[in-house]
């Protein structure tokens, strides 16, 4: 057995760490409109296949992205939207 070799020790399987939970504060639609300038173009930071993303600052000073679902006649796309982080 050479120095530094692993020998016949079984390889440890790599364990994936679970992603940290995402805190989602409860905000009313009125609050969201206020924080995003009524979902205005100044707060718009991106668009995706399911909606637009807006920048907002919460009352505690934390910067957040607010994803607004575009109304769709296809319920399955709404489910896909909900699975996105």
N, C-alpha and C. Protein backbone atom coordinates (compact mmCIF):
# COMPACT_ATOMS: atom_id res chain seq x y z
N UNK A 1 0.84 -1.18 0.00
CA UNK A 1 0.00 0.00 0.00
C UNK A 1 0.89 1.24 0.00
N UNK A 2 0.73 2.06 -1.02
CA UNK A 2 1.58 3.25 -1.14
C UNK A 2 1.01 4.39 -0.32
N UNK A 3 1.93 5.22 0.14
CA UNK A 3 1.52 6.38 0.93
C UNK A 3 0.68 7.32 0.06
N UNK A 4 -0.46 7.75 0.59
CA UNK A 4 -1.30 8.69 -0.15
C UNK A 4 -2.34 8.01 -1.01
N UNK A 5 -2.29 6.70 -1.16
CA UNK A 5 -3.31 6.03 -1.97
C UNK A 5 -4.55 5.80 -1.13
N UNK A 6 -5.67 5.66 -1.80
CA UNK A 6 -6.93 5.48 -1.09
C UNK A 6 -7.15 4.03 -0.68
N UNK A 7 -6.42 3.13 -1.28
CA UNK A 7 -6.58 1.73 -0.94
C UNK A 7 -7.95 1.23 -1.35
N UNK A 8 -8.54 0.38 -0.55
CA UNK A 8 -9.83 -0.20 -0.89
C UNK A 8 -10.98 0.42 -0.09
N UNK A 9 -10.74 1.59 0.47
CA UNK A 9 -11.80 2.25 1.24
C UNK A 9 -12.95 2.62 0.31
N UNK A 10 -14.18 2.36 0.73
CA UNK A 10 -15.31 2.69 -0.14
C UNK A 10 -15.43 4.21 -0.33
N UNK A 11 -15.80 4.59 -1.53
CA UNK A 11 -15.96 6.02 -1.82
C UNK A 11 -17.22 6.52 -1.14
N UNK A 12 -17.12 7.68 -0.54
CA UNK A 12 -18.29 8.26 0.11
C UNK A 12 -19.17 8.91 -0.96
N UNK A 13 -20.45 8.61 -0.94
CA UNK A 13 -21.33 9.28 -1.92
C UNK A 13 -21.43 10.76 -1.58
N UNK A 14 -21.44 11.57 -2.63
CA UNK A 14 -21.55 13.02 -2.40
C UNK A 14 -22.98 13.33 -1.99
N UNK A 15 -23.10 14.04 -0.89
CA UNK A 15 -24.43 14.42 -0.44
C UNK A 15 -24.69 15.86 -0.87
N UNK A 16 -25.85 16.05 -1.44
CA UNK A 16 -26.21 17.40 -1.86
C UNK A 16 -26.87 18.12 -0.70
N UNK A 17 -26.44 19.33 -0.49
CA UNK A 17 -27.06 20.13 0.57
C UNK A 17 -28.37 20.69 0.04
N UNK A 18 -29.36 20.66 0.89
CA UNK A 18 -30.65 21.23 0.51
C UNK A 18 -30.51 22.74 0.44
N UNK A 19 -31.17 23.37 -0.55
CA UNK A 19 -31.09 24.83 -0.62
C UNK A 19 -31.74 25.45 0.60
N UNK A 20 -31.25 26.61 1.01
CA UNK A 20 -31.85 27.26 2.19
C UNK A 20 -33.29 27.65 1.87
N UNK A 21 -34.16 27.64 2.86
CA UNK A 21 -35.55 28.03 2.60
C UNK A 21 -35.63 29.50 2.21
N UNK A 22 -36.56 29.80 1.35
CA UNK A 22 -36.76 31.17 0.90
C UNK A 22 -37.91 31.77 1.71
N UNK A 23 -37.61 32.87 2.38
CA UNK A 23 -38.66 33.54 3.15
C UNK A 23 -39.49 34.39 2.20
N UNK A 24 -40.79 34.19 2.24
CA UNK A 24 -41.69 34.95 1.40
C UNK A 24 -42.63 35.72 2.31
N UNK A 25 -42.41 37.03 2.42
CA UNK A 25 -43.28 37.81 3.30
C UNK A 25 -44.68 37.95 2.69
N UNK A 26 -45.67 38.01 3.54
CA UNK A 26 -47.05 38.21 3.09
C UNK A 26 -47.24 39.71 2.84
N UNK A 27 -47.50 40.05 1.59
CA UNK A 27 -47.74 41.45 1.23
C UNK A 27 -49.05 41.53 0.46
N UNK A 28 -49.80 42.58 0.70
CA UNK A 28 -51.05 42.77 -0.04
C UNK A 28 -50.73 43.29 -1.43
N UNK A 29 -51.71 43.19 -2.32
CA UNK A 29 -51.52 43.71 -3.67
C UNK A 29 -51.24 45.21 -3.63
N UNK A 30 -51.92 45.91 -2.73
CA UNK A 30 -51.68 47.36 -2.60
C UNK A 30 -50.24 47.65 -2.21
N UNK A 31 -49.70 46.84 -1.27
CA UNK A 31 -48.30 47.02 -0.87
C UNK A 31 -47.36 46.74 -2.04
N UNK A 32 -47.65 45.68 -2.80
CA UNK A 32 -46.80 45.34 -3.94
C UNK A 32 -46.83 46.45 -4.98
N UNK A 33 -48.01 47.01 -5.21
CA UNK A 33 -48.12 48.11 -6.17
C UNK A 33 -47.31 49.32 -5.69
N UNK A 34 -47.39 49.59 -4.38
CA UNK A 34 -46.65 50.73 -3.82
C UNK A 34 -45.14 50.51 -3.97
N UNK A 35 -44.68 49.30 -3.65
CA UNK A 35 -43.24 49.01 -3.66
C UNK A 35 -42.66 48.94 -5.08
N UNK A 36 -43.52 48.64 -6.07
CA UNK A 36 -43.03 48.49 -7.45
C UNK A 36 -43.48 49.65 -8.35
N UNK A 37 -43.91 50.74 -7.75
CA UNK A 37 -44.41 51.88 -8.51
C UNK A 37 -45.52 51.43 -9.46
N UNK A 38 -46.49 50.70 -8.89
CA UNK A 38 -47.63 50.16 -9.63
C UNK A 38 -47.17 49.25 -10.77
N UNK A 39 -46.17 48.42 -10.48
CA UNK A 39 -45.57 47.52 -11.47
C UNK A 39 -45.14 48.31 -12.71
N UNK A 40 -44.53 49.46 -12.45
CA UNK A 40 -44.13 50.36 -13.52
C UNK A 40 -42.80 49.99 -14.16
N UNK A 41 -42.52 50.65 -15.28
CA UNK A 41 -41.31 50.34 -16.05
C UNK A 41 -40.03 50.69 -15.30
N UNK A 42 -40.09 51.65 -14.37
CA UNK A 42 -38.88 52.00 -13.60
C UNK A 42 -38.45 50.86 -12.69
N UNK A 43 -39.42 50.05 -12.22
CA UNK A 43 -39.11 48.94 -11.32
C UNK A 43 -38.89 47.62 -12.07
N UNK A 44 -39.19 47.60 -13.37
CA UNK A 44 -39.06 46.38 -14.16
C UNK A 44 -37.59 46.02 -14.34
N UNK A 45 -37.23 44.78 -13.94
CA UNK A 45 -35.82 44.37 -14.07
C UNK A 45 -35.66 43.17 -14.99
N UNK A 46 -36.76 42.57 -15.44
CA UNK A 46 -36.62 41.44 -16.35
C UNK A 46 -37.96 40.85 -16.74
N UNK A 47 -37.91 40.06 -17.82
CA UNK A 47 -39.10 39.37 -18.28
C UNK A 47 -38.75 37.92 -18.53
N UNK A 48 -39.67 37.05 -18.18
CA UNK A 48 -39.48 35.63 -18.42
C UNK A 48 -40.64 35.07 -19.20
N UNK A 49 -40.65 33.76 -19.33
CA UNK A 49 -41.70 33.13 -20.12
C UNK A 49 -43.06 33.15 -19.41
N UNK A 50 -43.06 33.38 -18.10
CA UNK A 50 -44.31 33.35 -17.35
C UNK A 50 -44.71 34.69 -16.78
N UNK A 51 -43.88 35.70 -16.92
CA UNK A 51 -44.24 36.98 -16.36
C UNK A 51 -43.07 37.93 -16.30
N UNK A 52 -43.26 39.00 -15.58
CA UNK A 52 -42.24 40.03 -15.44
C UNK A 52 -41.72 40.06 -14.01
N UNK A 53 -40.49 40.56 -13.87
CA UNK A 53 -39.85 40.63 -12.56
C UNK A 53 -39.58 42.09 -12.24
N UNK A 54 -39.95 42.49 -11.04
CA UNK A 54 -39.82 43.87 -10.61
C UNK A 54 -38.94 43.96 -9.36
N UNK A 55 -38.24 45.08 -9.24
CA UNK A 55 -37.41 45.37 -8.07
C UNK A 55 -38.27 46.08 -7.04
N UNK A 56 -38.09 45.72 -5.78
CA UNK A 56 -38.80 46.41 -4.69
C UNK A 56 -37.93 46.40 -3.45
N UNK A 57 -38.14 47.38 -2.59
CA UNK A 57 -37.47 47.42 -1.29
C UNK A 57 -38.53 47.29 -0.21
N UNK A 58 -38.38 46.28 0.64
CA UNK A 58 -39.35 46.05 1.71
C UNK A 58 -39.17 47.08 2.82
N UNK A 59 -40.13 47.11 3.73
CA UNK A 59 -40.07 48.06 4.85
C UNK A 59 -38.84 47.87 5.72
N UNK A 60 -38.31 46.64 5.76
CA UNK A 60 -37.10 46.39 6.57
C UNK A 60 -35.82 46.74 5.81
N UNK A 61 -35.96 47.31 4.60
CA UNK A 61 -34.81 47.73 3.82
C UNK A 61 -34.24 46.66 2.90
N UNK A 62 -34.81 45.48 2.94
CA UNK A 62 -34.31 44.38 2.12
C UNK A 62 -34.77 44.53 0.68
N UNK A 63 -33.82 44.41 -0.26
CA UNK A 63 -34.13 44.47 -1.68
C UNK A 63 -34.62 43.10 -2.14
N UNK A 64 -35.71 43.09 -2.90
CA UNK A 64 -36.29 41.84 -3.36
C UNK A 64 -36.70 41.94 -4.83
N UNK A 65 -36.86 40.77 -5.44
CA UNK A 65 -37.42 40.68 -6.79
C UNK A 65 -38.84 40.18 -6.64
N UNK A 66 -39.77 40.84 -7.31
CA UNK A 66 -41.18 40.46 -7.27
C UNK A 66 -41.55 39.93 -8.64
N UNK A 67 -41.96 38.67 -8.69
CA UNK A 67 -42.33 38.05 -9.96
C UNK A 67 -43.85 38.14 -10.10
N UNK A 68 -44.30 38.75 -11.20
CA UNK A 68 -45.74 38.91 -11.44
C UNK A 68 -46.13 38.00 -12.61
N UNK A 69 -47.02 37.07 -12.34
CA UNK A 69 -47.48 36.13 -13.34
C UNK A 69 -48.34 36.83 -14.37
N UNK A 70 -48.04 36.60 -15.65
CA UNK A 70 -48.92 37.08 -16.70
C UNK A 70 -50.15 36.17 -16.71
N UNK A 71 -51.32 36.76 -16.84
CA UNK A 71 -52.54 35.97 -16.87
C UNK A 71 -52.49 35.05 -18.08
N UNK A 72 -52.74 33.77 -17.83
CA UNK A 72 -52.65 32.78 -18.89
C UNK A 72 -53.90 31.93 -18.90
N UNK A 73 -54.31 31.52 -20.08
CA UNK A 73 -55.46 30.63 -20.18
C UNK A 73 -55.04 29.18 -20.01
N UNK A 74 -53.74 28.94 -19.85
CA UNK A 74 -53.24 27.58 -19.70
C UNK A 74 -52.87 27.32 -18.25
N UNK A 75 -53.68 26.55 -17.51
CA UNK A 75 -53.40 26.31 -16.09
C UNK A 75 -52.06 25.64 -15.83
N UNK A 76 -51.59 24.79 -16.76
CA UNK A 76 -50.32 24.11 -16.52
C UNK A 76 -49.16 25.10 -16.48
N UNK A 77 -49.25 26.20 -17.23
CA UNK A 77 -48.17 27.18 -17.18
C UNK A 77 -48.16 27.90 -15.83
N UNK A 78 -49.33 28.05 -15.20
CA UNK A 78 -49.37 28.64 -13.87
C UNK A 78 -48.66 27.74 -12.87
N UNK A 79 -48.84 26.43 -12.99
CA UNK A 79 -48.15 25.49 -12.10
C UNK A 79 -46.65 25.56 -12.30
N UNK A 80 -46.21 25.66 -13.54
CA UNK A 80 -44.77 25.77 -13.82
C UNK A 80 -44.22 27.06 -13.22
N UNK A 81 -44.97 28.14 -13.31
CA UNK A 81 -44.56 29.42 -12.72
C UNK A 81 -44.33 29.26 -11.23
N UNK A 82 -45.23 28.55 -10.56
CA UNK A 82 -45.15 28.39 -9.11
C UNK A 82 -43.95 27.57 -8.68
N UNK A 83 -43.40 26.74 -9.56
CA UNK A 83 -42.25 25.92 -9.19
C UNK A 83 -40.94 26.67 -9.36
N UNK A 84 -40.96 27.83 -10.00
CA UNK A 84 -39.73 28.60 -10.17
C UNK A 84 -39.39 29.30 -8.87
N UNK A 85 -38.11 29.44 -8.63
CA UNK A 85 -37.65 30.14 -7.43
C UNK A 85 -37.41 31.60 -7.72
